[in-house]
Each structure stands twice: as structure tokens, then as C-alpha cells.
Protein backbone atom coordinates (compact mmCIF):
# COMPACT_ATOMS: atom_id res chain seq x y z
CA MET A 1 22.65 -10.73 -25.61
CA TYR A 2 23.09 -14.50 -25.76
CA ASN A 3 20.21 -16.49 -24.22
CA LEU A 4 21.54 -19.56 -22.38
CA LEU A 5 18.13 -21.23 -22.32
CA LYS A 6 17.92 -21.32 -26.13
CA ASP A 7 21.06 -23.44 -26.33
CA GLU A 8 20.07 -26.87 -24.94
CA ARG A 9 23.72 -27.89 -24.61
CA ARG A 10 24.13 -25.35 -21.81
CA VAL A 11 21.09 -26.33 -19.73
CA ILE A 12 22.20 -28.95 -17.20
CA ASN A 13 18.78 -29.54 -15.66
CA ALA A 14 15.57 -27.62 -15.19
CA PHE A 15 13.20 -28.11 -12.27
CA LYS A 16 9.52 -27.35 -11.92
CA VAL A 17 8.10 -26.46 -8.51
CA GLU A 18 5.32 -28.98 -7.93
CA GLU A 19 4.16 -28.00 -4.44
CA GLU A 20 5.22 -25.97 -1.43
CA TRP A 21 4.28 -26.60 2.18
CA GLU A 22 4.52 -24.21 5.09
CA LEU A 23 4.96 -26.13 8.29
CA SER A 24 3.86 -24.59 11.54
CA THR A 25 6.05 -21.86 12.91
CA PHE A 26 8.64 -23.80 14.85
CA GLU A 27 10.76 -22.06 17.46
CA ASP A 28 9.83 -18.70 15.88
CA VAL A 29 10.95 -19.89 12.42
CA GLN A 30 8.56 -20.47 9.52
CA LEU A 31 9.75 -23.79 8.07
CA LYS A 32 8.90 -24.58 4.44
CA ILE A 33 9.42 -27.46 2.03
CA LYS A 34 9.34 -27.29 -1.78
CA ILE A 35 8.86 -30.36 -3.94
CA LEU A 36 10.38 -30.07 -7.40
CA SER A 37 10.38 -32.34 -10.45
CA ASP A 38 12.61 -32.76 -13.46
CA ASP A 39 11.97 -33.84 -17.06
CA SER A 40 12.78 -37.46 -16.18
CA GLY A 41 9.86 -37.72 -13.74
CA ASN A 42 11.99 -37.61 -10.60
CA TYR A 43 11.06 -35.57 -7.54
CA TYR A 44 13.34 -33.59 -5.25
CA TYR A 45 12.93 -31.45 -2.16
CA LYS A 46 14.33 -28.16 -0.93
CA LEU A 47 14.21 -27.07 2.69
CA SER A 48 13.83 -23.46 3.80
CA HIS A 49 16.01 -24.04 6.88
CA PHE A 50 18.57 -26.45 8.32
CA TYR A 51 18.75 -27.38 11.98
CA VAL A 52 22.19 -27.21 13.57
CA GLY A 53 22.67 -28.34 17.15
CA THR A 54 25.16 -26.82 19.57
CA GLY A 55 28.72 -27.74 18.61
CA LYS A 56 27.59 -29.54 15.45
CA PRO A 57 29.04 -28.94 11.96
CA ALA A 58 27.56 -26.38 9.57
CA PRO A 59 24.30 -27.27 7.81
CA LYS A 60 24.37 -29.27 4.61
CA SER A 61 21.74 -30.17 2.09
CA SER A 62 21.30 -33.74 0.99
CA SER A 63 22.38 -34.51 -2.56
CA LEU A 64 20.62 -37.87 -2.36
CA ASN A 65 17.07 -36.61 -2.41
CA ILE A 66 15.83 -38.16 -5.68
CA CYS A 67 12.44 -39.84 -5.23
CA PRO A 68 10.00 -41.57 -7.59
CA THR A 69 6.91 -39.84 -6.12
CA LYS A 70 5.95 -36.50 -4.56
CA SER A 71 4.82 -38.17 -1.34
CA GLU A 72 8.15 -39.96 -0.91
CA ALA A 73 9.99 -36.67 -1.49
CA LEU A 74 7.88 -34.98 1.19
CA ILE A 75 8.51 -37.78 3.71
CA LEU A 76 12.26 -37.67 3.01
CA ALA A 77 12.26 -33.86 3.37
CA LYS A 78 10.53 -33.95 6.75
CA ASN A 79 12.84 -36.71 7.97
CA PHE A 80 15.94 -34.79 6.88
CA MET A 81 14.67 -31.52 8.38
CA PHE A 82 14.08 -33.00 11.84
CA TYR A 83 16.61 -35.86 11.95
CA TYR A 84 19.01 -34.09 14.33
CA TYR A 85 16.42 -32.02 16.19
CA ASP A 86 16.85 -32.02 19.96
CA GLU A 87 14.24 -30.05 21.90
CA GLU A 88 16.58 -29.83 24.90
CA ASP A 89 19.38 -28.15 22.91
CA THR A 90 18.78 -24.48 23.75
CA GLY A 91 21.79 -23.32 21.71
CA ALA A 92 20.66 -24.89 18.44
CA VAL A 93 19.88 -22.70 15.43
CA TRP A 94 17.65 -22.99 12.35
CA TYR A 95 19.82 -21.66 9.50
CA PRO A 96 18.05 -20.30 6.40
CA ASN A 97 18.81 -22.17 3.19
CA LYS A 98 20.19 -19.56 0.77
CA GLU A 99 19.26 -21.81 -2.16
CA TYR A 100 15.59 -21.97 -1.21
């Protein structure tokens, strides 16, 4: 069987999980953030869930999450996770991120 990882031309990018945080259980959902890095020294985040308010469009992940440090990636992740949060919106949902 052909091993894709042995052929460097086929590897687009590889990420290393640097750290993972479990935030407090929030509205009965365990929210988590992963910070990843690539070979170029950039840091990225992945969110376990996306907040979607009532009548709002489907959740999306941010493709602009490249940061020079882990701490900046964590700040950006928390900001993105809670940017649209509205505690008075009783119909809102935390959707799991299938790519987490």
C-alpha cells in the first residue's frame, strides 16, 4: 500500500497539537480549545464548538487564525468562540465542530 506521508509532495501541511484547554462547562456543553503549530512556527486554534444564535447562519470556522505566538492564538480562539454569544438568546445552540 502506498504511504502518502513518505511522499513529501503530497503532504500539504502537518500540524502538531501544542496544548489543549477545557473551559468550564458552559450551558451544559464542555467547550475546548486546541492550539496547533506548523513547521513554519505559526500557531493556529481549533474550537470544539461554535455558537449559533437564533435565526443566525450556520457556524463557520475562521480561516484567518494564524498567530505568531501560542498566547495570541488562545486569545483569538476565545474571542472567536464568544464573539456572538448572547446570554438572553434562549434558542441559541452550541454546535460541535466535526473537525475538532
